[in-house]
Amino acid sequence: MTLFDGETGKTYIVENTDGLETGIGRRLEALGLTGKTPLRLLNRKKNGAVIFTVRGTRLAVGRLIAEKIEVAEAGNI
């Protein structure tokens, strides 16, 4: 499942970010979004933006980026 498909309020584990462009992927890694990192989905806006917390930091990404971040539910690992 992708981050965009997730439900608000649930915790997920990042599985893969390989679909992202190199620059975007590196920037998200610098912000703490790496493999096996837990994140909590806070909100999904009407315009497609996804807001989540990772390592104590609140981040927002657009729909195209959120659709390329693969996650799994934290309880299913």
N, C-alpha and C. Protein backbone atom coordinates (compact mmCIF):
# COMPACT_ATOMS: atom_id res chain seq x y z
N MET A 1 0.85 -1.16 0.00
CA MET A 1 0.00 0.00 0.00
C MET A 1 0.90 1.23 0.00
N THR A 2 0.38 2.32 -0.49
CA THR A 2 1.14 3.56 -0.51
C THR A 2 0.70 4.46 0.64
N LEU A 3 1.50 5.46 0.92
CA LEU A 3 1.17 6.40 1.99
C LEU A 3 -0.14 7.12 1.67
N PHE A 4 -0.40 7.39 0.41
CA PHE A 4 -1.63 8.09 0.04
C PHE A 4 -2.86 7.24 0.33
N ASP A 5 -2.73 5.93 0.28
CA ASP A 5 -3.86 5.02 0.53
C ASP A 5 -4.14 4.80 2.02
N GLY A 6 -3.25 5.26 2.89
CA GLY A 6 -3.39 5.03 4.31
C GLY A 6 -4.55 5.78 4.94
N GLU A 7 -4.94 5.34 6.12
CA GLU A 7 -6.02 5.96 6.88
C GLU A 7 -5.43 6.93 7.91
N THR A 8 -6.08 8.06 8.08
CA THR A 8 -5.59 9.04 9.05
C THR A 8 -5.68 8.47 10.46
N GLY A 9 -4.69 8.80 11.26
CA GLY A 9 -4.64 8.35 12.63
C GLY A 9 -3.90 7.04 12.85
N LYS A 10 -3.58 6.33 11.79
CA LYS A 10 -2.90 5.03 11.92
C LYS A 10 -1.38 5.21 11.78
N THR A 11 -0.66 4.24 12.34
CA THR A 11 0.80 4.23 12.26
C THR A 11 1.23 3.21 11.21
N TYR A 12 2.20 3.59 10.40
CA TYR A 12 2.71 2.75 9.33
C TYR A 12 4.23 2.68 9.40
N ILE A 13 4.78 1.67 8.76
CA ILE A 13 6.22 1.49 8.65
C ILE A 13 6.61 1.70 7.19
N VAL A 14 7.62 2.51 6.95
CA VAL A 14 8.09 2.77 5.58
C VAL A 14 8.77 1.51 5.06
N GLU A 15 8.32 1.05 3.91
CA GLU A 15 8.92 -0.14 3.29
C GLU A 15 9.86 0.22 2.15
N ASN A 16 9.46 1.19 1.33
CA ASN A 16 10.22 1.45 0.11
C ASN A 16 9.96 2.87 -0.37
N THR A 17 11.01 3.55 -0.78
CA THR A 17 10.88 4.87 -1.39
C THR A 17 11.62 4.93 -2.71
N ASP A 18 11.87 3.78 -3.33
CA ASP A 18 12.67 3.72 -4.55
C ASP A 18 12.00 4.37 -5.75
N GLY A 19 10.69 4.55 -5.73
CA GLY A 19 9.99 5.15 -6.86
C GLY A 19 10.16 6.65 -6.97
N LEU A 20 10.74 7.27 -5.95
CA LEU A 20 10.91 8.72 -5.94
C LEU A 20 12.12 9.14 -6.77
N GLU A 21 12.06 10.36 -7.27
CA GLU A 21 13.21 10.92 -7.97
C GLU A 21 14.37 11.02 -6.97
N THR A 22 15.58 10.99 -7.47
CA THR A 22 16.76 10.95 -6.61
C THR A 22 16.80 12.12 -5.63
N GLY A 23 16.60 13.33 -6.11
CA GLY A 23 16.67 14.51 -5.25
C GLY A 23 15.60 14.51 -4.17
N ILE A 24 14.39 14.13 -4.53
CA ILE A 24 13.30 14.09 -3.56
C ILE A 24 13.55 12.99 -2.54
N GLY A 25 13.98 11.84 -3.01
CA GLY A 25 14.27 10.73 -2.11
C GLY A 25 15.35 11.07 -1.11
N ARG A 26 16.40 11.72 -1.57
CA ARG A 26 17.49 12.10 -0.67
C ARG A 26 17.03 13.13 0.35
N ARG A 27 16.21 14.07 -0.08
CA ARG A 27 15.72 15.10 0.84
C ARG A 27 14.85 14.48 1.93
N LEU A 28 13.97 13.55 1.55
CA LEU A 28 13.12 12.88 2.54
C LEU A 28 13.96 12.03 3.49
N GLU A 29 15.00 11.40 2.99
CA GLU A 29 15.90 10.64 3.85
C GLU A 29 16.59 11.56 4.85
N ALA A 30 17.00 12.74 4.40
CA ALA A 30 17.64 13.71 5.29
C ALA A 30 16.68 14.18 6.38
N LEU A 31 15.39 14.19 6.07
CA LEU A 31 14.39 14.59 7.04
C LEU A 31 13.97 13.44 7.96
N GLY A 32 14.50 12.23 7.72
CA GLY A 32 14.24 11.11 8.61
C GLY A 32 13.36 10.02 8.04
N LEU A 33 12.92 10.15 6.81
CA LEU A 33 12.04 9.16 6.20
C LEU A 33 12.88 8.09 5.52
N THR A 34 13.30 7.09 6.30
CA THR A 34 14.12 6.01 5.77
C THR A 34 13.38 4.69 5.94
N GLY A 35 13.92 3.63 5.39
CA GLY A 35 13.30 2.32 5.48
C GLY A 35 13.12 1.86 6.92
N LYS A 36 12.03 1.17 7.18
CA LYS A 36 11.67 0.62 8.50
C LYS A 36 11.41 1.68 9.56
N THR A 37 11.17 2.92 9.12
CA THR A 37 10.88 4.01 10.06
C THR A 37 9.37 4.10 10.27
N PRO A 38 8.91 4.17 11.52
CA PRO A 38 7.47 4.36 11.74
C PRO A 38 7.05 5.80 11.47
N LEU A 39 5.86 5.95 10.93
CA LEU A 39 5.28 7.27 10.73
C LEU A 39 3.81 7.21 11.06
N ARG A 40 3.24 8.33 11.40
CA ARG A 40 1.81 8.41 11.75
C ARG A 40 1.14 9.37 10.78
N LEU A 41 0.12 8.89 10.10
CA LEU A 41 -0.62 9.70 9.14
C LEU A 41 -1.59 10.60 9.88
N LEU A 42 -1.41 11.91 9.75
CA LEU A 42 -2.22 12.87 10.49
C LEU A 42 -3.44 13.35 9.71
N ASN A 43 -3.26 13.64 8.42
CA ASN A 43 -4.34 14.25 7.66
C ASN A 43 -4.10 14.08 6.17
N ARG A 44 -5.17 14.08 5.43
CA ARG A 44 -5.09 14.07 3.96
C ARG A 44 -6.01 15.19 3.48
N LYS A 45 -5.43 16.18 2.84
CA LYS A 45 -6.18 17.36 2.40
C LYS A 45 -6.92 17.07 1.09
N LYS A 46 -7.89 17.92 0.78
CA LYS A 46 -8.68 17.77 -0.45
C LYS A 46 -7.83 17.90 -1.71
N ASN A 47 -6.78 18.72 -1.63
CA ASN A 47 -5.93 18.93 -2.80
C ASN A 47 -4.94 17.79 -3.02
N GLY A 48 -4.95 16.79 -2.15
CA GLY A 48 -4.09 15.63 -2.31
C GLY A 48 -2.88 15.61 -1.40
N ALA A 49 -2.62 16.69 -0.67
CA ALA A 49 -1.48 16.73 0.23
C ALA A 49 -1.70 15.77 1.40
N VAL A 50 -0.61 15.13 1.83
CA VAL A 50 -0.65 14.19 2.95
C VAL A 50 0.25 14.74 4.04
N ILE A 51 -0.28 14.81 5.26
CA ILE A 51 0.48 15.32 6.40
C ILE A 51 0.72 14.16 7.36
N PHE A 52 1.99 14.00 7.77
CA PHE A 52 2.34 12.89 8.66
C PHE A 52 3.48 13.30 9.58
N THR A 53 3.68 12.55 10.64
CA THR A 53 4.82 12.78 11.53
C THR A 53 5.78 11.62 11.40
N VAL A 54 7.05 11.95 11.39
CA VAL A 54 8.11 10.95 11.36
C VAL A 54 9.25 11.47 12.22
N ARG A 55 9.68 10.65 13.18
CA ARG A 55 10.77 11.01 14.10
C ARG A 55 10.54 12.36 14.78
N GLY A 56 9.30 12.62 15.17
CA GLY A 56 8.98 13.83 15.90
C GLY A 56 8.79 15.08 15.06
N THR A 57 8.86 14.95 13.74
CA THR A 57 8.73 16.08 12.84
C THR A 57 7.49 15.92 11.98
N ARG A 58 6.74 16.99 11.83
CA ARG A 58 5.55 16.96 10.98
C ARG A 58 5.96 17.36 9.56
N LEU A 59 5.60 16.51 8.60
CA LEU A 59 5.93 16.75 7.19
C LEU A 59 4.67 16.71 6.35
N ALA A 60 4.71 17.41 5.23
CA ALA A 60 3.62 17.37 4.26
C ALA A 60 4.22 17.12 2.89
N VAL A 61 3.62 16.20 2.14
CA VAL A 61 4.05 15.91 0.78
C VAL A 61 2.82 15.92 -0.12
N GLY A 62 3.04 16.15 -1.38
CA GLY A 62 1.95 16.13 -2.34
C GLY A 62 1.53 14.72 -2.70
N ARG A 63 0.43 14.63 -3.41
CA ARG A 63 -0.13 13.33 -3.78
C ARG A 63 0.85 12.48 -4.60
N LEU A 64 1.52 13.08 -5.57
CA LEU A 64 2.42 12.31 -6.44
C LEU A 64 3.57 11.69 -5.64
N ILE A 65 4.06 12.39 -4.65
CA ILE A 65 5.12 11.84 -3.80
C ILE A 65 4.55 10.78 -2.87
N ALA A 66 3.41 11.05 -2.26
CA ALA A 66 2.79 10.11 -1.32
C ALA A 66 2.45 8.78 -2.01
N GLU A 67 2.12 8.83 -3.28
CA GLU A 67 1.79 7.60 -4.00
C GLU A 67 3.02 6.75 -4.31
N LYS A 68 4.22 7.30 -4.12
CA LYS A 68 5.45 6.54 -4.39
C LYS A 68 6.14 6.06 -3.12
N ILE A 69 5.57 6.37 -1.96
CA ILE A 69 6.12 5.91 -0.69
C ILE A 69 5.31 4.69 -0.25
N GLU A 70 5.94 3.53 -0.28
CA GLU A 70 5.27 2.29 0.09
C GLU A 70 5.37 2.07 1.59
N VAL A 71 4.23 1.76 2.22
CA VAL A 71 4.18 1.55 3.67
C VAL A 71 3.41 0.28 3.99
N ALA A 72 3.57 -0.19 5.22
CA ALA A 72 2.80 -1.33 5.75
C ALA A 72 2.27 -0.92 7.11
N GLU A 73 1.12 -1.45 7.49
CA GLU A 73 0.56 -1.14 8.81
C GLU A 73 1.53 -1.64 9.88
N ALA A 74 1.68 -0.85 10.93
CA ALA A 74 2.65 -1.19 11.97
C ALA A 74 2.32 -2.51 12.65
N GLY A 75 1.06 -2.88 12.76
CA GLY A 75 0.69 -4.13 13.41
C GLY A 75 0.91 -5.36 12.56
N ASN A 76 1.18 -5.20 11.27
CA ASN A 76 1.30 -6.34 10.36
C ASN A 76 2.74 -6.69 10.03
N ILE A 77 3.66 -6.40 10.92
CA ILE A 77 5.07 -6.66 10.61
C ILE A 77 5.60 -7.80 11.44
